[in-house]
Protein backbone atom coordinates (compact mmCIF):
# COMPACT_ATOMS: atom_id res chain seq x y z
CA MET A 1 -3.15 -14.77 29.33
CA GLN A 2 -3.22 -15.50 25.56
CA GLU A 3 0.24 -15.95 23.99
CA PHE A 4 0.93 -13.83 20.70
CA GLY A 5 4.11 -15.79 19.90
CA ASP A 6 6.50 -13.64 17.62
CA PHE A 7 3.80 -10.97 17.03
CA ALA A 8 4.39 -9.78 20.47
CA LYS A 9 8.08 -8.95 19.60
CA VAL A 10 7.13 -6.70 16.47
CA ASP A 11 8.63 -3.40 17.11
CA LEU A 12 5.68 -0.94 15.66
CA GLU A 13 7.69 2.01 15.79
CA LYS A 14 10.24 0.48 13.51
CA LEU A 15 7.56 -0.86 11.21
CA VAL A 16 5.81 2.47 10.95
CA LYS A 17 9.21 4.19 10.39
CA GLY A 18 10.11 1.82 7.62
CA ALA A 19 6.78 2.40 6.00
CA ASP A 20 7.15 6.12 6.06
CA GLU A 21 10.81 5.81 4.65
CA GLN A 22 9.42 3.77 1.75
CA LEU A 23 6.57 6.21 1.18
CA ALA A 24 9.12 9.03 0.89
CA LEU A 25 11.20 6.98 -1.53
CA LEU A 26 8.14 6.43 -3.76
CA GLY A 27 7.47 10.16 -3.56
CA ASP A 28 11.06 11.00 -4.64
CA PHE A 29 10.81 8.35 -7.44
CA GLN A 30 7.66 10.00 -8.66
CA GLU A 31 9.33 13.26 -8.96
CA ARG A 32 12.31 11.68 -10.65
CA ALA A 33 10.04 9.73 -12.89
CA ALA A 34 8.32 13.03 -14.10
CA SER A 35 11.40 14.74 -14.96
CA CYS A 36 13.19 11.68 -16.56
CA VAL A 37 13.46 11.92 -20.54
CA GLY A 38 14.51 9.60 -23.12
CA ARG A 39 16.24 10.84 -26.39
CA ALA A 40 16.97 9.49 -29.56
CA GLN A 41 17.93 10.74 -33.16
CA ASP A 42 18.48 8.86 -36.30
CA GLU A 43 21.97 8.53 -37.71
CA ASN A 44 21.26 11.03 -40.52
CA GLY A 45 19.64 13.66 -38.29
CA PHE A 46 16.36 13.47 -39.99
CA VAL A 47 14.16 12.50 -36.97
CA ALA A 48 14.75 13.48 -33.25
CA VAL A 49 12.42 12.17 -30.48
CA GLU A 50 12.12 13.12 -26.73
CA TYR A 51 10.15 10.60 -24.68
CA GLY A 52 9.06 11.14 -21.06
CA GLN A 53 6.47 9.62 -18.56
CA GLU A 54 3.54 11.08 -20.43
CA GLY A 55 4.67 9.66 -23.78
CA VAL A 56 6.37 11.56 -26.79
CA ARG A 57 7.34 14.96 -25.53
CA GLU A 58 9.01 16.32 -28.86
CA LEU A 59 9.08 15.00 -32.38
CA GLU A 60 11.44 16.92 -34.73
CA LEU A 61 11.57 16.25 -38.49
CA HIS A 62 14.57 17.77 -40.36
CA PRO A 63 13.21 19.39 -43.71
CA LYS A 64 15.42 16.96 -45.59
CA ALA A 65 13.38 14.16 -44.02
CA MET A 66 10.54 15.34 -46.29
CA ARG A 67 12.52 13.74 -49.22
CA LEU A 68 11.86 10.33 -47.78
CA SER A 69 8.82 8.33 -49.01
CA SER A 70 5.98 8.31 -46.32
CA GLY A 71 6.81 4.65 -45.92
CA GLU A 72 10.54 5.40 -45.13
CA LEU A 73 9.69 8.19 -42.87
CA ALA A 74 7.24 6.19 -40.93
CA GLU A 75 9.66 3.43 -40.29
CA LEU A 76 12.38 5.98 -39.40
CA ILE A 77 10.03 7.64 -36.83
CA LYS A 78 8.83 4.27 -35.35
CA ILE A 79 12.75 3.09 -34.91
CA THR A 80 13.76 6.49 -33.46
CA LEU A 81 10.56 6.53 -31.14
CA ARG A 82 11.56 2.82 -29.98
CA ASP A 83 15.10 4.07 -29.34
CA ALA A 84 13.94 6.95 -27.27
CA THR A 85 11.58 4.72 -25.31
CA GLU A 86 14.37 2.37 -24.41
CA ASP A 87 16.61 5.24 -23.40
CA PHE A 88 13.61 6.43 -21.16
CA GLN A 89 13.47 3.07 -19.57
CA ARG A 90 17.09 2.87 -19.22
CA ARG A 91 17.25 6.24 -17.40
CA LEU A 92 14.34 5.44 -15.24
CA THR A 93 15.62 2.20 -14.20
CA GLU A 94 18.87 3.89 -13.34
CA GLU A 95 16.92 6.41 -11.18
CA ALA A 96 15.13 3.62 -9.31
CA GLY A 97 18.38 1.88 -8.73
CA GLU A 98 19.89 5.07 -7.06
CA LEU A 99 16.99 5.45 -5.01
CA PHE A 100 16.04 1.89 -3.83
CA GLY A 101 19.34 0.19 -4.51
CA GLN A 102 20.31 -2.18 -7.21
CA GLU A 103 19.28 -5.19 -5.41
CA ALA A 104 15.79 -3.94 -4.52
CA ASN A 105 15.29 -1.98 -7.67
CA PRO A 106 11.74 -2.60 -8.56
CA LEU A 107 12.23 -1.75 -12.43
CA ARG A 108 15.19 -4.04 -12.75
CA LEU A 109 13.29 -6.91 -11.00
CA LEU A 110 10.46 -6.38 -13.55
CA ALA A 111 12.81 -6.37 -16.44
CA GLU A 112 14.30 -9.70 -15.33
CA PRO A 113 11.48 -12.05 -14.21
CA GLY A 114 13.85 -14.86 -13.60
CA SER A 115 15.21 -12.84 -10.50
CA ILE A 116 11.58 -12.39 -9.29
CA THR A 117 10.88 -16.02 -9.79
CA GLY A 118 14.00 -17.14 -7.77
CA LYS A 119 12.94 -14.96 -4.83
CA VAL A 120 9.59 -16.30 -4.87
CA LYS A 121 10.94 -19.95 -4.70
CA GLU A 122 13.07 -18.64 -1.86
CA ALA A 123 10.22 -17.40 -0.01
CA GLU A 124 7.79 -20.32 -0.54
CA PRO A 125 8.97 -22.72 2.28
CA LEU A 126 8.62 -19.52 4.61
CA TYR A 127 5.04 -18.90 3.36
CA ASP A 128 4.17 -22.77 3.68
CA GLN A 129 5.41 -22.79 7.24
CA ALA A 130 3.72 -19.69 8.16
CA PHE A 131 0.31 -21.02 6.63
CA GLU A 132 0.85 -24.30 8.44
CA ASP A 133 1.25 -22.32 11.76
CA VAL A 134 -1.64 -20.02 11.30
CA MET A 135 -3.88 -23.10 10.45
CA GLY A 136 -2.45 -25.07 13.40
CA ARG A 137 -3.31 -22.04 15.81
CA LEU A 138 -6.73 -21.49 14.14
CA ASP A 139 -7.49 -25.20 14.55
CA SER A 140 -6.37 -25.13 18.27
CA ILE A 141 -8.64 -22.12 18.73
CA ARG A 142 -11.56 -23.88 17.19
CA ARG A 143 -10.97 -27.00 19.31
CA ARG A 144 -10.91 -24.77 22.46
CA LEU A 145 -14.11 -23.04 21.37
CA GLU A 146 -15.83 -26.19 20.63
CA LEU A 147 -16.67 -25.15 17.18
């Protein structure tokens, strides 16, 4: 009988249950992301922005904002929009942290590429060993089949 090594010890029920749990978490995250809103307002109250997953939800201009030059108003809108976008990203990252845990928060990992690089470097020797094991097994099978 052929040996399957550690693969024979895989608990399929546990594997499927873990996958189901991750899918449920992703569904929860999608719902939270849809309702997440970032907000910002300039210090004078001339421009207020609400930003969500779909982009700008609300843009309010106080009547006094019309006294600004078009360039000043455009710059104020851009700055306030940037602030609202940053607020949205912060809130979304917090939501992801609550669901997935801070250590496994995918948005935090994306915001901190160095942490991903470190994890990849940690996994590299394991990948190399697994690759060598698989290639060794394949070579053994090739020799047995005289290919």
